N, C-alpha and C. Protein backbone atom coordinates (compact mmCIF):
# COMPACT_ATOMS: atom_id res chain seq x y z
N MET A 1 21.75 -8.71 64.99
CA MET A 1 22.22 -7.45 64.40
C MET A 1 23.75 -7.44 64.34
N GLY A 2 24.39 -8.12 65.31
CA GLY A 2 25.85 -8.17 65.33
C GLY A 2 26.42 -8.83 64.09
N GLY A 3 25.67 -9.83 63.57
CA GLY A 3 26.11 -10.52 62.37
C GLY A 3 26.18 -9.58 61.17
N PHE A 4 25.16 -8.73 61.04
CA PHE A 4 25.14 -7.76 59.94
C PHE A 4 26.32 -6.81 60.05
N LYS A 5 26.59 -6.36 61.28
CA LYS A 5 27.71 -5.44 61.51
C LYS A 5 29.02 -6.09 61.07
N TYR A 6 29.17 -7.37 61.41
CA TYR A 6 30.39 -8.10 61.05
C TYR A 6 30.52 -8.22 59.53
N ILE A 7 29.40 -8.53 58.87
CA ILE A 7 29.41 -8.68 57.41
C ILE A 7 29.76 -7.36 56.74
N PHE A 8 29.13 -6.27 57.21
CA PHE A 8 29.41 -4.96 56.63
C PHE A 8 30.86 -4.56 56.85
N THR A 9 31.40 -4.86 58.03
CA THR A 9 32.81 -4.56 58.32
C THR A 9 33.71 -5.35 57.39
N TYR A 10 33.37 -6.62 57.17
CA TYR A 10 34.15 -7.48 56.28
C TYR A 10 34.15 -6.93 54.86
N ILE A 11 32.95 -6.53 54.37
CA ILE A 11 32.83 -5.97 53.02
C ILE A 11 33.62 -4.68 52.92
N TYR A 12 33.52 -3.84 53.97
CA TYR A 12 34.20 -2.54 53.97
C TYR A 12 35.72 -2.71 53.93
N ASN A 13 36.22 -3.74 54.63
CA ASN A 13 37.67 -3.96 54.70
C ASN A 13 38.21 -4.76 53.52
N ASN A 14 37.33 -5.39 52.74
CA ASN A 14 37.78 -6.20 51.60
C ASN A 14 37.07 -5.75 50.32
N PRO A 15 37.67 -4.82 49.59
CA PRO A 15 37.03 -4.31 48.36
C PRO A 15 36.77 -5.43 47.35
N PHE A 16 37.58 -6.51 47.39
CA PHE A 16 37.41 -7.61 46.44
C PHE A 16 36.06 -8.29 46.62
N SER A 17 35.52 -8.25 47.86
CA SER A 17 34.23 -8.89 48.11
C SER A 17 33.11 -8.22 47.31
N TYR A 18 33.30 -6.93 46.96
CA TYR A 18 32.31 -6.24 46.12
C TYR A 18 32.18 -6.97 44.79
N VAL A 19 33.34 -7.39 44.24
CA VAL A 19 33.35 -8.09 42.96
C VAL A 19 32.57 -9.40 43.08
N ILE A 20 32.83 -10.13 44.16
CA ILE A 20 32.15 -11.42 44.38
C ILE A 20 30.64 -11.21 44.49
N ILE A 21 30.23 -10.19 45.27
CA ILE A 21 28.80 -9.91 45.46
C ILE A 21 28.16 -9.54 44.12
N THR A 22 28.84 -8.66 43.36
CA THR A 22 28.31 -8.23 42.06
C THR A 22 28.17 -9.43 41.12
N MET A 23 29.20 -10.29 41.08
CA MET A 23 29.15 -11.48 40.23
C MET A 23 28.02 -12.40 40.64
N THR A 24 27.85 -12.58 41.95
CA THR A 24 26.79 -13.45 42.45
C THR A 24 25.42 -12.92 42.04
N LEU A 25 25.22 -11.60 42.22
CA LEU A 25 23.93 -10.99 41.86
C LEU A 25 23.68 -11.12 40.36
N THR A 26 24.72 -10.86 39.55
CA THR A 26 24.58 -10.95 38.10
C THR A 26 24.24 -12.37 37.68
N THR A 27 24.94 -13.35 38.26
CA THR A 27 24.70 -14.76 37.93
C THR A 27 23.28 -15.16 38.31
N THR A 28 22.85 -14.73 39.50
CA THR A 28 21.50 -15.06 39.97
C THR A 28 20.47 -14.47 39.02
N ARG A 29 20.67 -13.20 38.61
CA ARG A 29 19.73 -12.54 37.71
C ARG A 29 19.68 -13.27 36.37
N THR A 30 20.85 -13.68 35.88
CA THR A 30 20.91 -14.40 34.60
C THR A 30 20.17 -15.72 34.70
N LEU A 31 20.37 -16.45 35.81
CA LEU A 31 19.69 -17.73 36.00
C LEU A 31 18.18 -17.54 36.04
N ILE A 32 17.73 -16.49 36.73
CA ILE A 32 16.29 -16.21 36.84
C ILE A 32 15.73 -15.90 35.45
N MET A 33 16.46 -15.09 34.67
CA MET A 33 16.00 -14.73 33.32
C MET A 33 15.91 -15.98 32.45
N CYS A 34 16.91 -16.87 32.54
CA CYS A 34 16.90 -18.12 31.77
C CYS A 34 15.71 -18.98 32.18
N PHE A 35 15.46 -19.06 33.49
CA PHE A 35 14.35 -19.87 33.99
C PHE A 35 13.02 -19.34 33.46
N ILE A 36 12.84 -18.01 33.50
CA ILE A 36 11.60 -17.38 33.01
C ILE A 36 11.46 -17.65 31.51
N PHE A 37 12.58 -17.51 30.76
CA PHE A 37 12.55 -17.73 29.32
C PHE A 37 12.12 -19.16 29.00
N VAL A 38 12.72 -20.13 29.69
CA VAL A 38 12.38 -21.54 29.48
C VAL A 38 10.93 -21.79 29.85
N PHE A 39 10.49 -21.22 30.97
CA PHE A 39 9.11 -21.40 31.43
C PHE A 39 8.12 -20.87 30.39
N LEU A 40 8.37 -19.66 29.87
CA LEU A 40 7.49 -19.06 28.87
C LEU A 40 7.51 -19.88 27.58
N THR A 41 8.68 -20.37 27.20
CA THR A 41 8.79 -21.19 25.99
C THR A 41 7.98 -22.47 26.13
N LEU A 42 8.07 -23.09 27.31
CA LEU A 42 7.30 -24.32 27.56
C LEU A 42 5.80 -24.03 27.51
N GLN A 43 5.39 -22.90 28.07
CA GLN A 43 3.97 -22.53 28.04
C GLN A 43 3.50 -22.37 26.59
N LYS A 44 4.36 -21.76 25.77
CA LYS A 44 4.03 -21.55 24.36
C LYS A 44 3.86 -22.89 23.66
N TYR A 45 4.79 -23.84 23.93
CA TYR A 45 4.71 -25.16 23.32
C TYR A 45 3.45 -25.89 23.76
N LYS A 46 3.09 -25.76 25.03
CA LYS A 46 1.89 -26.42 25.55
C LYS A 46 0.65 -25.93 24.81
N THR A 47 0.55 -24.62 24.59
CA THR A 47 -0.63 -24.07 23.91
C THR A 47 -0.64 -24.51 22.45
N ASN A 48 0.55 -24.66 21.83
CA ASN A 48 0.63 -25.09 20.44
C ASN A 48 0.24 -26.55 20.28
N LEU A 49 0.50 -27.36 21.30
CA LEU A 49 0.19 -28.79 21.22
C LEU A 49 -1.31 -29.05 21.28
N LYS A 50 -2.07 -28.17 21.92
CA LYS A 50 -3.50 -28.39 22.08
C LYS A 50 -4.22 -28.35 20.74
């Protein structure tokens, strides 16, 4: 639990870390969306090949 307290204190004292966290979350979401898109596209191609 002490680790969480330290992380929250760090975030609270460094407003710039909010930007980093937001960018990380956005990038992760974008990567997941791309992965899902590619996966669905591949599934579509597989059904078309049959």
